[in-house]
Amino acid sequence: MRIAREGYPLIGGAAAVTVLAWLLGGLAWGVVPLALTLFIVSFFRDPERVVPAGPGLVVAPADGRIIKVARAVDDRFLQAEATLISIFMSPLNVHVNRVPTSGRVVELRYNPGKYLRAFADKASLDNEQNAVLLEDEQGRRLCFVQIAGFIARRIVCHLRPDARVERGQRYGMIMFGSRADIYLPVAARIRVNVGDRARGGETVIAEWP
C-alpha cells in the first residue's frame, strides 16, 4: 500500500526502536514498539481513490464521519451565509486530504490556536487550522479547512496561491485524529447527511445546480 511521505521519518524511527528493543530485551520488549510501528504505518496509508467524473461535483476533502451539516457564516473568505459540512477523522481513518473540486487556489490562511476535541463545535473557531479558498472555472468559490484536534499537532498543506488543482488531488494531511470543514455557497445541493461516512476524493458531498 502507498504510504504518505510525511510518515517515513516516524515509521523509520518507530521501526528502529522496535529492532533495538527486540535485540536488547527479546520478544517481550519488542511487542509494544512493534504495535506502535504498525499503528503509524496504518495511520499514514494513502490508498488510491476513484474520483467521480462529471461537471459540478464536490467531493469530500477527507475520510471520516459527517458530524455537521448546517448553515453558517464564513467570515474568512465567502463573507456570506454558507452551508458548513464537517468531517471528523478518527486516528483509524486515512488522514490524507484531497481537493474537493477543480479550480484555482485563491488564498490560504493559517491560524494558530487551541487543540480542543475535533468534534466539538468550538473547534471550527478556536483550534489550529489552515483554510483554503478555491475558485472553479465558473467563478464559484468554496472554502475548505484543515483543523487540528486534541491529538493532532501538525497540519501539512502543499498548496500555494494561484496553483491549479484537480478534483480529488492530494494536497496535505493532519496528524493524528482531526477534522475537516468545508463551506459551500447556499446554492450548492448537499448530498450527505449527519452520520454518513465519507471517503476523501471519492464521496460526492455536494453539487452545483
N, C-alpha and C. Protein backbone atom coordinates (compact mmCIF):
# COMPACT_ATOMS: atom_id res chain seq x y z
N MET A 1 0.84 -1.19 0.00
CA MET A 1 0.00 0.00 0.00
C MET A 1 0.88 1.24 0.00
N ARG A 2 0.43 2.26 -0.71
CA ARG A 2 1.13 3.53 -0.74
C ARG A 2 1.11 4.17 0.65
N ILE A 3 2.24 4.76 1.05
CA ILE A 3 2.37 5.44 2.33
C ILE A 3 2.67 6.91 2.06
N ALA A 4 1.97 7.80 2.77
CA ALA A 4 2.23 9.24 2.63
C ALA A 4 3.66 9.54 3.06
N ARG A 5 4.34 10.38 2.29
CA ARG A 5 5.76 10.63 2.54
C ARG A 5 6.00 11.27 3.90
N GLU A 6 5.00 11.97 4.45
CA GLU A 6 5.17 12.58 5.77
C GLU A 6 5.39 11.54 6.85
N GLY A 7 5.00 10.30 6.58
CA GLY A 7 5.11 9.25 7.59
C GLY A 7 6.45 8.54 7.63
N TYR A 8 7.28 8.70 6.59
CA TYR A 8 8.53 7.94 6.53
C TYR A 8 9.43 8.15 7.75
N PRO A 9 9.67 9.39 8.19
CA PRO A 9 10.56 9.56 9.36
C PRO A 9 10.01 8.90 10.62
N LEU A 10 8.69 9.03 10.85
CA LEU A 10 8.11 8.43 12.05
C LEU A 10 8.12 6.91 11.98
N ILE A 11 7.81 6.37 10.80
CA ILE A 11 7.83 4.92 10.64
C ILE A 11 9.25 4.38 10.82
N GLY A 12 10.22 5.07 10.23
CA GLY A 12 11.61 4.64 10.36
C GLY A 12 12.08 4.68 11.81
N GLY A 13 11.71 5.75 12.53
CA GLY A 13 12.11 5.86 13.93
C GLY A 13 11.48 4.79 14.79
N ALA A 14 10.17 4.55 14.57
CA ALA A 14 9.48 3.52 15.35
C ALA A 14 10.04 2.13 15.05
N ALA A 15 10.37 1.87 13.78
CA ALA A 15 10.93 0.57 13.42
C ALA A 15 12.30 0.37 14.06
N ALA A 16 13.10 1.44 14.11
CA ALA A 16 14.42 1.34 14.72
C ALA A 16 14.31 1.04 16.22
N VAL A 17 13.36 1.69 16.89
CA VAL A 17 13.13 1.43 18.32
C VAL A 17 12.69 -0.02 18.52
N THR A 18 11.83 -0.51 17.62
CA THR A 18 11.35 -1.88 17.72
C THR A 18 12.50 -2.88 17.62
N VAL A 19 13.37 -2.69 16.64
CA VAL A 19 14.51 -3.60 16.45
C VAL A 19 15.44 -3.54 17.66
N LEU A 20 15.69 -2.33 18.16
CA LEU A 20 16.57 -2.19 19.32
C LEU A 20 15.99 -2.87 20.55
N ALA A 21 14.69 -2.67 20.77
CA ALA A 21 14.04 -3.30 21.92
C ALA A 21 14.09 -4.83 21.80
N TRP A 22 13.89 -5.32 20.59
CA TRP A 22 13.91 -6.77 20.35
C TRP A 22 15.31 -7.34 20.64
N LEU A 23 16.33 -6.61 20.21
CA LEU A 23 17.70 -7.09 20.41
C LEU A 23 18.10 -7.06 21.88
N LEU A 24 17.64 -6.03 22.60
CA LEU A 24 18.05 -5.88 23.99
C LEU A 24 17.23 -6.72 24.96
N GLY A 25 15.92 -6.83 24.66
CA GLY A 25 15.05 -7.48 25.64
C GLY A 25 14.27 -8.67 25.13
N GLY A 26 14.43 -8.98 23.85
CA GLY A 26 13.72 -10.12 23.31
C GLY A 26 12.29 -9.78 22.92
N LEU A 27 11.52 -10.82 22.69
CA LEU A 27 10.16 -10.66 22.18
C LEU A 27 9.29 -9.81 23.10
N ALA A 28 9.39 -10.01 24.41
CA ALA A 28 8.53 -9.30 25.35
C ALA A 28 8.71 -7.78 25.23
N TRP A 29 9.93 -7.33 25.05
CA TRP A 29 10.20 -5.90 24.95
C TRP A 29 9.82 -5.33 23.58
N GLY A 30 9.79 -6.20 22.60
CA GLY A 30 9.54 -5.72 21.23
C GLY A 30 8.08 -5.62 20.84
N VAL A 31 7.19 -6.21 21.64
CA VAL A 31 5.78 -6.25 21.25
C VAL A 31 5.15 -4.86 21.19
N VAL A 32 5.35 -4.06 22.24
CA VAL A 32 4.72 -2.73 22.29
C VAL A 32 5.24 -1.81 21.19
N PRO A 33 6.57 -1.67 21.01
CA PRO A 33 7.03 -0.81 19.92
C PRO A 33 6.63 -1.33 18.54
N LEU A 34 6.51 -2.66 18.39
CA LEU A 34 6.05 -3.20 17.12
C LEU A 34 4.61 -2.79 16.85
N ALA A 35 3.76 -2.87 17.88
CA ALA A 35 2.36 -2.46 17.73
C ALA A 35 2.27 -0.98 17.36
N LEU A 36 3.12 -0.16 17.99
CA LEU A 36 3.15 1.27 17.68
C LEU A 36 3.59 1.50 16.25
N THR A 37 4.59 0.76 15.80
CA THR A 37 5.06 0.90 14.42
C THR A 37 3.95 0.55 13.43
N LEU A 38 3.22 -0.53 13.69
CA LEU A 38 2.14 -0.93 12.80
C LEU A 38 1.01 0.11 12.78
N PHE A 39 0.75 0.71 13.95
CA PHE A 39 -0.28 1.76 14.01
C PHE A 39 0.14 2.97 13.16
N ILE A 40 1.40 3.36 13.26
CA ILE A 40 1.88 4.51 12.49
C ILE A 40 1.82 4.21 11.00
N VAL A 41 2.19 3.00 10.61
CA VAL A 41 2.08 2.61 9.19
C VAL A 41 0.64 2.73 8.73
N SER A 42 -0.29 2.22 9.54
CA SER A 42 -1.70 2.28 9.20
C SER A 42 -2.19 3.72 9.09
N PHE A 43 -1.73 4.57 10.02
CA PHE A 43 -2.17 5.96 10.02
C PHE A 43 -1.76 6.68 8.73
N PHE A 44 -0.56 6.39 8.24
CA PHE A 44 -0.05 7.10 7.07
C PHE A 44 -0.36 6.40 5.75
N ARG A 45 -1.24 5.41 5.76
CA ARG A 45 -1.61 4.77 4.50
C ARG A 45 -2.29 5.79 3.58
N ASP A 46 -2.07 5.62 2.31
CA ASP A 46 -2.55 6.59 1.32
C ASP A 46 -3.11 5.85 0.11
N PRO A 47 -4.29 5.24 0.26
CA PRO A 47 -4.84 4.43 -0.83
C PRO A 47 -5.27 5.27 -2.03
N GLU A 48 -5.26 4.66 -3.19
CA GLU A 48 -5.79 5.31 -4.38
C GLU A 48 -7.31 5.41 -4.27
N ARG A 49 -7.86 6.42 -4.87
CA ARG A 49 -9.31 6.62 -4.85
C ARG A 49 -9.84 6.79 -6.27
N VAL A 50 -11.09 6.37 -6.48
CA VAL A 50 -11.75 6.55 -7.77
C VAL A 50 -12.50 7.88 -7.70
N VAL A 51 -11.94 8.90 -8.30
CA VAL A 51 -12.54 10.24 -8.25
C VAL A 51 -13.69 10.31 -9.25
N PRO A 52 -14.90 10.65 -8.81
CA PRO A 52 -16.04 10.67 -9.72
C PRO A 52 -15.89 11.74 -10.79
N ALA A 53 -16.32 11.39 -12.00
CA ALA A 53 -16.28 12.33 -13.11
C ALA A 53 -17.64 13.01 -13.25
N GLY A 54 -17.64 14.14 -13.92
CA GLY A 54 -18.89 14.85 -14.15
C GLY A 54 -18.80 16.29 -13.70
N PRO A 55 -19.53 17.16 -14.36
CA PRO A 55 -19.46 18.59 -14.02
C PRO A 55 -20.17 18.91 -12.71
N GLY A 56 -19.63 19.89 -11.99
CA GLY A 56 -20.32 20.43 -10.83
C GLY A 56 -20.30 19.60 -9.57
N LEU A 57 -19.46 18.56 -9.50
CA LEU A 57 -19.43 17.71 -8.31
C LEU A 57 -18.39 18.23 -7.31
N VAL A 58 -18.72 18.11 -6.04
CA VAL A 58 -17.80 18.46 -4.96
C VAL A 58 -17.61 17.21 -4.10
N VAL A 59 -16.36 16.79 -3.92
CA VAL A 59 -16.10 15.56 -3.18
C VAL A 59 -15.57 15.88 -1.79
N ALA A 60 -15.64 14.90 -0.93
CA ALA A 60 -15.17 15.07 0.45
C ALA A 60 -13.68 15.34 0.47
N PRO A 61 -13.23 16.31 1.28
CA PRO A 61 -11.79 16.57 1.39
C PRO A 61 -11.06 15.60 2.31
N ALA A 62 -11.82 14.75 3.02
CA ALA A 62 -11.19 13.86 3.99
C ALA A 62 -12.05 12.64 4.24
N ASP A 63 -11.43 11.59 4.78
CA ASP A 63 -12.15 10.41 5.24
C ASP A 63 -12.73 10.67 6.63
N GLY A 64 -13.86 10.05 6.93
CA GLY A 64 -14.40 10.17 8.28
C GLY A 64 -15.91 10.21 8.30
N ARG A 65 -16.43 10.59 9.45
CA ARG A 65 -17.88 10.64 9.66
C ARG A 65 -18.38 12.07 9.58
N ILE A 66 -19.47 12.27 8.87
CA ILE A 66 -20.09 13.59 8.79
C ILE A 66 -20.74 13.90 10.14
N ILE A 67 -20.24 14.94 10.81
CA ILE A 67 -20.77 15.28 12.13
C ILE A 67 -21.60 16.56 12.12
N LYS A 68 -21.59 17.27 11.00
CA LYS A 68 -22.37 18.51 10.96
C LYS A 68 -22.70 18.89 9.53
N VAL A 69 -23.95 19.24 9.29
CA VAL A 69 -24.40 19.84 8.04
C VAL A 69 -25.35 20.96 8.46
N ALA A 70 -24.90 22.20 8.33
CA ALA A 70 -25.70 23.30 8.89
C ALA A 70 -25.35 24.61 8.19
N ARG A 71 -26.24 25.56 8.31
CA ARG A 71 -25.98 26.90 7.80
C ARG A 71 -25.00 27.60 8.74
N ALA A 72 -24.07 28.34 8.17
CA ALA A 72 -23.08 29.07 8.94
C ALA A 72 -22.63 30.27 8.12
N VAL A 73 -21.86 31.13 8.74
CA VAL A 73 -21.31 32.28 8.05
C VAL A 73 -19.79 32.12 7.99
N ASP A 74 -19.24 32.15 6.79
CA ASP A 74 -17.78 32.09 6.64
C ASP A 74 -17.26 33.52 6.59
N ASP A 75 -16.74 33.99 7.71
CA ASP A 75 -16.24 35.37 7.79
C ASP A 75 -14.86 35.52 7.16
N ARG A 76 -14.17 34.40 6.92
CA ARG A 76 -12.82 34.49 6.38
C ARG A 76 -12.80 34.89 4.91
N PHE A 77 -13.54 34.13 4.10
CA PHE A 77 -13.44 34.29 2.66
C PHE A 77 -14.76 34.64 1.97
N LEU A 78 -15.78 33.83 2.22
CA LEU A 78 -17.02 33.99 1.47
C LEU A 78 -17.80 35.22 1.90
N GLN A 79 -17.63 35.62 3.18
CA GLN A 79 -18.32 36.80 3.70
C GLN A 79 -19.83 36.72 3.45
N ALA A 80 -20.37 35.55 3.65
CA ALA A 80 -21.80 35.34 3.40
C ALA A 80 -22.25 34.06 4.08
N GLU A 81 -23.57 33.88 4.13
CA GLU A 81 -24.10 32.64 4.67
C GLU A 81 -23.69 31.49 3.76
N ALA A 82 -23.37 30.37 4.38
CA ALA A 82 -22.91 29.21 3.63
C ALA A 82 -23.44 27.95 4.30
N THR A 83 -23.25 26.82 3.62
CA THR A 83 -23.53 25.52 4.22
C THR A 83 -22.21 24.92 4.68
N LEU A 84 -22.13 24.61 5.96
CA LEU A 84 -20.93 24.02 6.54
C LEU A 84 -21.10 22.51 6.66
N ILE A 85 -20.16 21.77 6.11
CA ILE A 85 -20.10 20.32 6.28
C ILE A 85 -18.82 20.00 7.03
N SER A 86 -18.95 19.31 8.17
CA SER A 86 -17.79 18.95 9.00
C SER A 86 -17.60 17.44 8.99
N ILE A 87 -16.35 17.02 8.83
CA ILE A 87 -15.99 15.61 8.81
C ILE A 87 -15.01 15.34 9.94
N PHE A 88 -15.37 14.43 10.84
CA PHE A 88 -14.48 14.05 11.94
C PHE A 88 -13.62 12.87 11.51
N MET A 89 -12.30 13.02 11.66
CA MET A 89 -11.34 12.00 11.27
C MET A 89 -10.77 11.36 12.54
N SER A 90 -11.12 10.12 12.81
CA SER A 90 -10.56 9.43 13.96
C SER A 90 -9.15 8.96 13.62
N PRO A 91 -8.34 8.57 14.63
CA PRO A 91 -6.99 8.09 14.34
C PRO A 91 -6.96 6.88 13.42
N LEU A 92 -8.08 6.18 13.26
CA LEU A 92 -8.11 4.99 12.41
C LEU A 92 -8.43 5.31 10.95
N ASN A 93 -8.87 6.54 10.68
CA ASN A 93 -9.18 6.93 9.30
C ASN A 93 -7.91 7.24 8.51
N VAL A 94 -8.03 7.18 7.18
CA VAL A 94 -6.99 7.73 6.30
C VAL A 94 -6.95 9.23 6.53
N HIS A 95 -5.76 9.80 6.69
CA HIS A 95 -5.64 11.22 7.02
C HIS A 95 -5.09 12.08 5.90
N VAL A 96 -4.90 11.53 4.73
CA VAL A 96 -4.51 12.31 3.57
C VAL A 96 -5.71 13.14 3.11
N ASN A 97 -5.52 14.42 2.91
CA ASN A 97 -6.60 15.32 2.49
C ASN A 97 -6.57 15.52 0.98
N ARG A 98 -7.76 15.72 0.41
CA ARG A 98 -7.89 15.85 -1.04
C ARG A 98 -8.71 17.09 -1.42
N VAL A 99 -8.41 17.63 -2.59
CA VAL A 99 -9.08 18.84 -3.07
C VAL A 99 -10.52 18.51 -3.46
N PRO A 100 -11.50 19.30 -2.98
CA PRO A 100 -12.92 18.98 -3.24
C PRO A 100 -13.36 19.14 -4.69
N THR A 101 -12.78 20.10 -5.43
CA THR A 101 -13.19 20.31 -6.81
C THR A 101 -12.06 20.99 -7.56
N SER A 102 -12.12 20.93 -8.88
CA SER A 102 -11.06 21.52 -9.70
C SER A 102 -11.17 23.04 -9.71
N GLY A 103 -10.04 23.70 -9.84
CA GLY A 103 -10.06 25.15 -9.89
C GLY A 103 -8.72 25.77 -9.57
N ARG A 104 -8.76 27.00 -9.09
CA ARG A 104 -7.55 27.76 -8.77
C ARG A 104 -7.54 28.14 -7.30
N VAL A 105 -6.41 27.94 -6.65
CA VAL A 105 -6.26 28.35 -5.26
C VAL A 105 -6.14 29.88 -5.22
N VAL A 106 -7.09 30.53 -4.57
CA VAL A 106 -7.10 31.98 -4.49
C VAL A 106 -6.27 32.47 -3.31
N GLU A 107 -6.45 31.82 -2.16
CA GLU A 107 -5.78 32.29 -0.95
C GLU A 107 -5.70 31.17 0.07
N LEU A 108 -4.66 31.20 0.90
CA LEU A 108 -4.52 30.30 2.04
C LEU A 108 -4.37 31.15 3.29
N ARG A 109 -4.93 30.64 4.38
CA ARG A 109 -4.83 31.38 5.63
C ARG A 109 -4.65 30.40 6.79
N TYR A 110 -3.50 30.49 7.44
CA TYR A 110 -3.19 29.63 8.59
C TYR A 110 -3.41 30.42 9.88
N ASN A 111 -4.07 29.79 10.85
CA ASN A 111 -4.28 30.40 12.15
C ASN A 111 -3.84 29.45 13.25
N PRO A 112 -2.89 29.84 14.09
CA PRO A 112 -2.56 29.02 15.25
C PRO A 112 -3.72 29.06 16.23
N GLY A 113 -3.82 28.09 17.08
CA GLY A 113 -4.93 28.08 18.02
C GLY A 113 -4.82 26.98 19.04
N LYS A 114 -5.98 26.60 19.58
CA LYS A 114 -6.03 25.60 20.63
C LYS A 114 -6.09 24.20 20.03
N TYR A 115 -6.20 23.20 20.92
CA TYR A 115 -6.30 21.81 20.50
C TYR A 115 -7.49 21.16 21.20
N LEU A 116 -8.67 21.74 20.98
CA LEU A 116 -9.89 21.17 21.55
C LEU A 116 -10.24 19.88 20.81
N ARG A 117 -11.12 19.10 21.39
CA ARG A 117 -11.56 17.88 20.72
C ARG A 117 -12.17 18.25 19.36
N ALA A 118 -11.78 17.51 18.33
CA ALA A 118 -12.11 17.91 16.97
C ALA A 118 -13.61 17.88 16.67
N PHE A 119 -14.37 17.06 17.41
CA PHE A 119 -15.81 17.00 17.11
C PHE A 119 -16.60 18.08 17.84
N ALA A 120 -15.95 18.88 18.68
CA ALA A 120 -16.64 19.97 19.38
C ALA A 120 -16.88 21.12 18.42
N ASP A 121 -18.05 21.79 18.55
CA ASP A 121 -18.38 22.91 17.67
C ASP A 121 -17.34 24.02 17.74
N LYS A 122 -16.77 24.27 18.93
CA LYS A 122 -15.81 25.35 19.08
C LYS A 122 -14.50 25.09 18.33
N ALA A 123 -14.27 23.83 17.94
CA ALA A 123 -13.04 23.52 17.22
C ALA A 123 -12.96 24.25 15.90
N SER A 124 -14.12 24.50 15.26
CA SER A 124 -14.13 25.20 13.97
C SER A 124 -13.63 26.62 14.11
N LEU A 125 -13.76 27.19 15.30
CA LEU A 125 -13.38 28.59 15.52
C LEU A 125 -12.06 28.74 16.25
N ASP A 126 -11.81 27.86 17.23
CA ASP A 126 -10.71 28.08 18.17
C ASP A 126 -9.46 27.26 17.90
N ASN A 127 -9.59 26.13 17.20
CA ASN A 127 -8.42 25.24 17.04
C ASN A 127 -7.45 25.74 15.97
N GLU A 128 -6.22 25.25 16.06
CA GLU A 128 -5.25 25.50 14.99
C GLU A 128 -5.85 25.01 13.67
N GLN A 129 -5.72 25.82 12.62
CA GLN A 129 -6.35 25.45 11.35
C GLN A 129 -5.69 26.13 10.16
N ASN A 130 -5.91 25.51 9.00
CA ASN A 130 -5.41 26.05 7.74
C ASN A 130 -6.57 26.05 6.75
N ALA A 131 -6.93 27.24 6.25
CA ALA A 131 -8.08 27.39 5.36
C ALA A 131 -7.62 27.70 3.95
N VAL A 132 -8.34 27.15 2.97
CA VAL A 132 -8.02 27.35 1.55
C VAL A 132 -9.26 27.87 0.84
N LEU A 133 -9.11 28.96 0.10
CA LEU A 133 -10.18 29.48 -0.74
C LEU A 133 -9.91 29.04 -2.16
N LEU A 134 -10.90 28.38 -2.77
CA LEU A 134 -10.76 27.83 -4.12
C LEU A 134 -11.84 28.41 -5.03
N GLU A 135 -11.47 28.72 -6.25
CA GLU A 135 -12.42 29.22 -7.25
C GLU A 135 -12.40 28.30 -8.45
N ASP A 136 -13.58 27.81 -8.87
CA ASP A 136 -13.62 26.90 -10.02
C ASP A 136 -13.68 27.68 -11.34
N GLU A 137 -13.79 26.96 -12.45
CA GLU A 137 -13.75 27.59 -13.77
C GLU A 137 -14.95 28.50 -14.01
N GLN A 138 -16.03 28.29 -13.28
CA GLN A 138 -17.23 29.12 -13.42
C GLN A 138 -17.25 30.30 -12.46
N GLY A 139 -16.17 30.46 -11.71
CA GLY A 139 -16.08 31.58 -10.78
C GLY A 139 -16.75 31.32 -9.44
N ARG A 140 -17.20 30.10 -9.18
CA ARG A 140 -17.82 29.76 -7.90
C ARG A 140 -16.73 29.47 -6.88
N ARG A 141 -16.95 29.95 -5.66
CA ARG A 141 -15.93 29.83 -4.63
C ARG A 141 -16.40 28.97 -3.47
N LEU A 142 -15.48 28.23 -2.90
CA LEU A 142 -15.74 27.47 -1.67
C LEU A 142 -14.49 27.51 -0.82
N CYS A 143 -14.67 27.22 0.46
CA CYS A 143 -13.57 27.25 1.41
C CYS A 143 -13.49 25.90 2.11
N PHE A 144 -12.31 25.31 2.16
CA PHE A 144 -12.14 24.06 2.91
C PHE A 144 -11.00 24.23 3.91
N VAL A 145 -11.18 23.62 5.09
CA VAL A 145 -10.33 23.93 6.24
C VAL A 145 -9.82 22.65 6.89
N GLN A 146 -8.51 22.59 7.13
CA GLN A 146 -7.90 21.54 7.94
C GLN A 146 -7.86 22.03 9.38
N ILE A 147 -8.38 21.23 10.32
CA ILE A 147 -8.45 21.65 11.71
C ILE A 147 -7.76 20.61 12.59
N ALA A 148 -6.79 21.05 13.38
CA ALA A 148 -6.10 20.14 14.29
C ALA A 148 -7.02 19.79 15.45
N GLY A 149 -6.90 18.57 15.95
CA GLY A 149 -7.72 18.12 17.07
C GLY A 149 -6.93 18.02 18.36
N PHE A 150 -7.48 17.28 19.32
CA PHE A 150 -6.86 17.14 20.63
C PHE A 150 -5.51 16.44 20.54
N ILE A 151 -5.43 15.43 19.65
CA ILE A 151 -4.19 14.68 19.48
C ILE A 151 -3.36 15.26 18.35
N ALA A 152 -4.03 15.68 17.27
CA ALA A 152 -3.31 16.20 16.11
C ALA A 152 -2.54 17.46 16.48
N ARG A 153 -1.27 17.52 16.11
CA ARG A 153 -0.44 18.68 16.43
C ARG A 153 0.34 19.16 15.22
N ARG A 154 -0.03 18.71 14.04
CA ARG A 154 0.67 19.17 12.86
C ARG A 154 -0.26 19.14 11.66
N ILE A 155 -0.31 20.26 10.94
CA ILE A 155 -1.09 20.37 9.72
C ILE A 155 -0.12 20.52 8.56
N VAL A 156 -0.30 19.71 7.52
CA VAL A 156 0.54 19.77 6.33
C VAL A 156 -0.33 20.18 5.14
N CYS A 157 0.09 21.22 4.43
CA CYS A 157 -0.62 21.67 3.23
C CYS A 157 0.41 22.01 2.15
N HIS A 158 0.26 21.38 0.98
CA HIS A 158 1.21 21.58 -0.11
C HIS A 158 0.73 22.59 -1.14
N LEU A 159 -0.42 23.21 -0.93
CA LEU A 159 -0.97 24.14 -1.90
C LEU A 159 -0.31 25.52 -1.79
N ARG A 160 -0.36 26.25 -2.89
CA ARG A 160 0.15 27.61 -2.94
C ARG A 160 -0.84 28.49 -3.71
N PRO A 161 -0.89 29.79 -3.41
CA PRO A 161 -1.79 30.67 -4.15
C PRO A 161 -1.53 30.60 -5.66
N ASP A 162 -2.62 30.65 -6.43
CA ASP A 162 -2.62 30.60 -7.90
C ASP A 162 -2.35 29.21 -8.46
N ALA A 163 -2.16 28.21 -7.61
CA ALA A 163 -1.97 26.85 -8.11
C ALA A 163 -3.26 26.32 -8.72
N ARG A 164 -3.14 25.60 -9.83
CA ARG A 164 -4.27 24.93 -10.46
C ARG A 164 -4.36 23.52 -9.90
N VAL A 165 -5.53 23.14 -9.46
CA VAL A 165 -5.70 21.83 -8.82
C VAL A 165 -6.85 21.07 -9.46
N GLU A 166 -6.85 19.77 -9.28
CA GLU A 166 -7.89 18.90 -9.83
C GLU A 166 -8.68 18.24 -8.71
N ARG A 167 -9.94 17.99 -8.97
CA ARG A 167 -10.79 17.30 -8.01
C ARG A 167 -10.16 15.97 -7.58
N GLY A 168 -10.09 15.75 -6.27
CA GLY A 168 -9.53 14.51 -5.74
C GLY A 168 -8.03 14.51 -5.58
N GLN A 169 -7.37 15.58 -5.98
CA GLN A 169 -5.91 15.66 -5.86
C GLN A 169 -5.49 15.71 -4.40
N ARG A 170 -4.44 14.97 -4.05
CA ARG A 170 -3.89 15.03 -2.69
C ARG A 170 -3.30 16.42 -2.47
N TYR A 171 -3.54 16.99 -1.27
CA TYR A 171 -2.94 18.30 -1.02
C TYR A 171 -2.32 18.43 0.37
N GLY A 172 -2.46 17.45 1.24
CA GLY A 172 -1.87 17.54 2.57
C GLY A 172 -2.46 16.51 3.51
N MET A 173 -2.23 16.70 4.80
CA MET A 173 -2.79 15.80 5.81
C MET A 173 -2.70 16.46 7.18
N ILE A 174 -3.37 15.83 8.14
CA ILE A 174 -3.33 16.28 9.53
C ILE A 174 -2.97 15.08 10.40
N MET A 175 -2.12 15.28 11.38
CA MET A 175 -1.70 14.20 12.27
C MET A 175 -2.15 14.53 13.71
N PHE A 176 -2.72 13.68 14.44
CA PHE A 176 -3.25 12.32 14.37
C PHE A 176 -4.69 12.38 14.85
N GLY A 177 -5.68 12.34 14.08
CA GLY A 177 -7.06 12.49 14.50
C GLY A 177 -7.44 13.96 14.44
N SER A 178 -8.42 14.32 13.67
CA SER A 178 -8.66 15.73 13.39
C SER A 178 -10.02 15.95 12.74
N ARG A 179 -10.14 17.08 12.04
CA ARG A 179 -11.43 17.46 11.47
C ARG A 179 -11.21 18.26 10.19
N ALA A 180 -12.10 18.08 9.24
CA ALA A 180 -12.08 18.86 8.00
C ALA A 180 -13.43 19.53 7.83
N ASP A 181 -13.42 20.84 7.61
CA ASP A 181 -14.64 21.60 7.34
C ASP A 181 -14.63 22.09 5.90
N ILE A 182 -15.82 22.20 5.32
CA ILE A 182 -15.93 22.80 4.00
C ILE A 182 -17.16 23.71 4.00
N TYR A 183 -16.95 24.94 3.53
CA TYR A 183 -18.02 25.93 3.44
C TYR A 183 -18.41 26.09 1.98
N LEU A 184 -19.68 25.84 1.71
CA LEU A 184 -20.21 25.91 0.35
C LEU A 184 -21.27 26.99 0.25
N PRO A 185 -21.33 27.71 -0.86
CA PRO A 185 -22.44 28.65 -1.05
C PRO A 185 -23.78 27.95 -0.90
N VAL A 186 -24.78 28.65 -0.40
CA VAL A 186 -26.07 28.02 -0.12
C VAL A 186 -26.73 27.47 -1.37
N ALA A 187 -26.31 27.92 -2.54
CA ALA A 187 -26.90 27.41 -3.79
C ALA A 187 -26.51 25.96 -4.07
N ALA A 188 -25.40 25.50 -3.48
CA ALA A 188 -24.97 24.13 -3.73
C ALA A 188 -25.95 23.13 -3.13
N ARG A 189 -26.20 22.05 -3.86
CA ARG A 189 -27.11 20.99 -3.37
C ARG A 189 -26.29 19.98 -2.56
N ILE A 190 -26.67 19.79 -1.32
CA ILE A 190 -25.93 18.91 -0.42
C ILE A 190 -26.36 17.47 -0.63
N ARG A 191 -25.40 16.57 -0.69
CA ARG A 191 -25.67 15.16 -0.98
C ARG A 191 -25.36 14.23 0.20
N VAL A 192 -25.07 14.76 1.37
CA VAL A 192 -24.75 13.92 2.53
C VAL A 192 -25.56 14.39 3.73
N ASN A 193 -25.63 13.52 4.73
CA ASN A 193 -26.33 13.81 5.98
C ASN A 193 -25.43 13.50 7.16
N VAL A 194 -25.78 14.05 8.31
CA VAL A 194 -25.04 13.75 9.53
C VAL A 194 -25.08 12.23 9.78
N GLY A 195 -23.94 11.67 10.12
CA GLY A 195 -23.83 10.23 10.36
C GLY A 195 -23.29 9.45 9.19
N ASP A 196 -23.31 10.04 7.97
CA ASP A 196 -22.77 9.36 6.80
C ASP A 196 -21.25 9.22 6.93
N ARG A 197 -20.71 8.20 6.27
CA ARG A 197 -19.27 8.01 6.20
C ARG A 197 -18.77 8.53 4.85
N ALA A 198 -17.69 9.28 4.89
CA ALA A 198 -17.14 9.87 3.67
C ALA A 198 -15.76 9.30 3.38
N ARG A 199 -15.43 9.22 2.10
CA ARG A 199 -14.10 8.82 1.65
C ARG A 199 -13.53 9.99 0.86
N GLY A 200 -12.37 10.49 1.32
CA GLY A 200 -11.78 11.65 0.69
C GLY A 200 -11.49 11.45 -0.78
N GLY A 201 -11.90 12.42 -1.61
CA GLY A 201 -11.68 12.35 -3.04
C GLY A 201 -12.64 11.48 -3.79
N GLU A 202 -13.54 10.80 -3.08
CA GLU A 202 -14.43 9.81 -3.72
C GLU A 202 -15.90 10.07 -3.44
N THR A 203 -16.25 10.39 -2.20
CA THR A 203 -17.65 10.60 -1.84
C THR A 203 -18.11 11.98 -2.30
N VAL A 204 -19.19 12.03 -3.07
CA VAL A 204 -19.76 13.31 -3.51
C VAL A 204 -20.57 13.88 -2.36
N ILE A 205 -20.17 15.04 -1.87
CA ILE A 205 -20.87 15.66 -0.75
C ILE A 205 -21.81 16.78 -1.20
N ALA A 206 -21.61 17.29 -2.41
CA ALA A 206 -22.47 18.37 -2.90
C ALA A 206 -22.30 18.48 -4.41
N GLU A 207 -23.22 19.21 -5.05
CA GLU A 207 -23.09 19.51 -6.47
C GLU A 207 -23.70 20.87 -6.76
N TRP A 208 -23.15 21.51 -7.75
CA TRP A 208 -23.67 22.82 -8.14
C TRP A 208 -24.94 22.67 -8.95
N PRO A 209 -25.91 23.56 -8.81
CA PRO A 209 -27.17 23.46 -9.57
C PRO A 209 -26.93 23.73 -11.06
